[in-house]
Amino acid sequence: MLRKLSQRINSEEKGFTLIELLVVILIIGILAAIALPAFLGQQKKGQDAEAKSNARNAVSQVESCASDTAGNYASCTTAAQLGSTGLDVVASPPGTGQVSVTSTGSGAGFTVVAKSKSNNTFTITKDPSTGISTRTCTGAPAGGCKSTADSQGNYW
């Protein structure tokens, strides 16, 4: 094989054979088949990360609003009540890329729901009796939605 290659190099023959070109195309095809699913998974993770960020930012806005209303979350559920958040705050249920805020326990707690473009729904709930926040996710256990909870019971 090496002898053939050295003969080709030393002769005037230049270019690639059909077999060499087919092998290169086959290798590129195999690499593309491996990489494409990985890239699609990254896109879902990015879309889910945006929804998580929106939910966390909404919680900050709700907490800030509640500090002005003596801790009553019932007065902090609409876009007008929260002020200029930069978020698309709507009534429940939120659409793709939107966030909804509802109060629970006579205004002592709240629930923030954000829906990602990959159709996963991320929820942050502040329990009105304990004041503990939990994070849950509904949807396919892919992207940023875990199928099992961490030690605090959170899924994201």
Protein backbone atom coordinates (compact mmCIF):
# COMPACT_ATOMS: atom_id res chain seq x y z
CA MET A 1 0.00 0.00 0.00
CA LEU A 2 2.80 2.41 0.88
CA ARG A 3 4.59 1.47 -2.32
CA LYS A 4 1.49 2.37 -4.33
CA LEU A 5 1.18 5.73 -2.55
CA SER A 6 4.85 6.57 -3.13
CA GLN A 7 4.48 5.64 -6.82
CA ARG A 8 1.46 7.93 -7.12
CA ILE A 9 3.29 10.78 -5.41
CA ASN A 10 6.34 10.40 -7.65
CA SER A 11 4.32 10.02 -10.85
CA GLU A 12 2.34 12.69 -12.58
CA GLU A 13 -0.93 11.15 -11.44
CA LYS A 14 -2.83 13.67 -9.29
CA GLY A 15 -6.25 13.68 -7.68
CA PHE A 16 -8.35 11.25 -5.67
CA THR A 17 -9.91 7.97 -6.63
CA LEU A 18 -13.63 7.37 -6.42
CA ILE A 19 -13.13 4.99 -3.49
CA GLU A 20 -11.19 7.61 -1.51
CA LEU A 21 -13.92 10.19 -2.08
CA LEU A 22 -16.63 7.72 -1.05
CA VAL A 23 -14.77 6.88 2.17
CA VAL A 24 -14.49 10.57 3.07
CA ILE A 25 -18.21 11.12 2.39
CA LEU A 26 -19.06 8.07 4.51
CA ILE A 27 -16.98 9.38 7.43
CA ILE A 28 -18.62 12.82 7.22
CA GLY A 29 -22.06 11.18 7.15
CA ILE A 30 -21.32 9.13 10.25
CA LEU A 31 -20.05 12.18 12.14
CA ALA A 32 -23.15 14.17 11.13
CA ALA A 33 -25.44 11.36 12.32
CA ILE A 34 -23.73 11.41 15.71
CA ALA A 35 -23.63 15.20 16.09
CA LEU A 36 -27.14 16.15 14.94
CA PRO A 37 -29.07 14.70 17.93
CA ALA A 38 -26.60 16.33 20.30
CA PHE A 39 -27.19 19.73 18.70
CA LEU A 40 -30.97 19.32 18.88
CA GLY A 41 -30.70 18.50 22.60
CA GLN A 42 -28.71 21.68 23.15
CA GLN A 43 -31.45 23.74 21.50
CA LYS A 44 -34.06 22.35 23.93
CA LYS A 45 -31.76 23.03 26.87
CA GLY A 46 -31.40 26.64 25.74
CA GLN A 47 -35.15 27.09 25.38
CA ASP A 48 -35.70 25.57 28.82
CA ALA A 49 -32.98 27.75 30.34
CA GLU A 50 -34.82 30.83 29.05
CA ALA A 51 -38.08 29.70 30.70
CA LYS A 52 -36.29 28.93 33.99
CA SER A 53 -34.69 32.36 33.93
CA ASN A 54 -38.06 33.98 33.26
CA ALA A 55 -39.59 32.10 36.21
CA ARG A 56 -36.77 33.12 38.57
CA ASN A 57 -36.98 36.75 37.42
CA ALA A 58 -40.75 36.73 37.95
CA VAL A 59 -40.24 35.42 41.50
CA SER A 60 -37.85 38.32 42.18
CA GLN A 61 -40.42 40.78 40.84
CA VAL A 62 -43.22 39.23 42.92
CA GLU A 63 -41.09 39.32 46.08
CA SER A 64 -40.17 42.95 45.39
CA CYS A 65 -43.81 43.87 44.80
CA ALA A 66 -44.91 42.04 47.97
CA SER A 67 -42.43 44.00 50.07
CA ASP A 68 -44.37 47.13 49.08
CA THR A 69 -47.73 45.52 50.00
CA ALA A 70 -46.87 44.17 53.47
CA GLY A 71 -46.11 40.67 52.15
CA ASN A 72 -49.45 40.21 50.38
CA TYR A 73 -48.81 38.35 47.13
CA ALA A 74 -52.44 38.73 45.99
CA SER A 75 -51.61 42.30 44.91
CA CYS A 76 -48.70 41.13 42.75
CA THR A 77 -50.14 38.85 40.07
CA THR A 78 -50.59 41.00 36.95
CA ALA A 79 -48.15 42.80 34.67
CA ALA A 80 -49.59 46.15 35.77
CA GLN A 81 -49.08 45.34 39.46
CA LEU A 82 -45.53 44.04 38.93
CA GLY A 83 -44.42 47.04 36.86
CA SER A 84 -41.97 46.92 33.98
CA THR A 85 -40.42 43.48 34.32
CA GLY A 86 -39.44 42.82 30.71
CA LEU A 87 -41.38 39.56 31.00
CA ASP A 88 -44.52 38.55 29.12
CA VAL A 89 -46.77 38.15 32.20
CA VAL A 90 -50.23 36.77 31.37
CA ALA A 91 -53.17 35.16 33.14
CA SER A 92 -52.94 31.44 33.75
CA PRO A 93 -52.12 29.24 31.83
CA PRO A 94 -49.14 30.79 30.10
CA GLY A 95 -48.43 30.25 26.44
CA THR A 96 -45.06 29.49 24.92
CA GLY A 97 -42.46 31.97 26.20
CA GLN A 98 -44.88 33.49 28.73
CA VAL A 99 -45.10 33.61 32.54
CA SER A 100 -48.15 33.56 34.83
CA VAL A 101 -48.36 34.47 38.51
CA THR A 102 -51.12 33.40 40.90
CA SER A 103 -51.42 33.93 44.62
CA THR A 104 -52.25 31.12 47.02
CA GLY A 105 -53.34 30.88 50.66
CA SER A 106 -55.14 34.25 50.83
CA GLY A 107 -52.08 36.04 49.46
CA ALA A 108 -49.55 34.37 51.77
CA GLY A 109 -47.99 32.31 48.96
CA PHE A 110 -47.70 32.29 45.18
CA THR A 111 -47.15 30.14 42.12
CA VAL A 112 -45.10 31.24 39.10
CA VAL A 113 -45.42 29.19 35.91
CA ALA A 114 -43.24 29.65 32.80
CA LYS A 115 -43.61 27.67 29.58
CA SER A 116 -40.61 27.08 27.32
CA LYS A 117 -40.56 26.88 23.54
CA SER A 118 -39.87 23.16 23.88
CA ASN A 119 -43.25 22.84 25.69
CA ASN A 120 -41.82 22.10 29.13
CA THR A 121 -43.52 23.97 31.98
CA PHE A 122 -41.46 25.22 34.92
CA THR A 123 -43.22 26.08 38.19
CA ILE A 124 -41.98 27.80 41.36
CA THR A 125 -44.38 27.55 44.29
CA LYS A 126 -44.00 29.34 47.62
CA ASP A 127 -45.94 27.43 50.27
CA PRO A 128 -48.19 29.86 52.20
CA SER A 129 -47.81 28.02 55.51
CA THR A 130 -44.07 27.26 55.53
CA GLY A 131 -42.70 29.91 53.15
CA ILE A 132 -40.59 27.25 51.42
CA SER A 133 -40.25 27.46 47.65
CA THR A 134 -40.21 24.36 45.46
CA ARG A 135 -39.44 24.03 41.76
CA THR A 136 -41.19 21.49 39.57
CA CYS A 137 -41.15 20.68 35.89
CA THR A 138 -43.75 19.06 33.70
CA GLY A 139 -43.01 17.78 30.26
CA ALA A 140 -40.57 15.42 28.65
CA PRO A 141 -37.54 14.59 30.83
CA ALA A 142 -35.23 16.18 28.28
CA GLY A 143 -33.56 19.54 27.87
CA GLY A 144 -33.65 21.26 31.25
CA CYS A 145 -36.42 19.14 32.78
CA LYS A 146 -35.01 16.43 35.08
CA SER A 147 -36.87 13.17 35.64
CA THR A 148 -35.80 12.90 39.31
CA ALA A 149 -35.75 15.44 42.11
CA ASP A 150 -32.67 16.68 43.95
CA SER A 151 -32.25 16.46 47.76
CA GLN A 152 -34.60 19.45 48.30
CA GLY A 153 -37.34 17.95 46.09
CA ASN A 154 -36.66 20.28 43.16
CA TYR A 155 -36.72 19.08 39.55
CA TRP A 156 -34.64 21.91 38.09
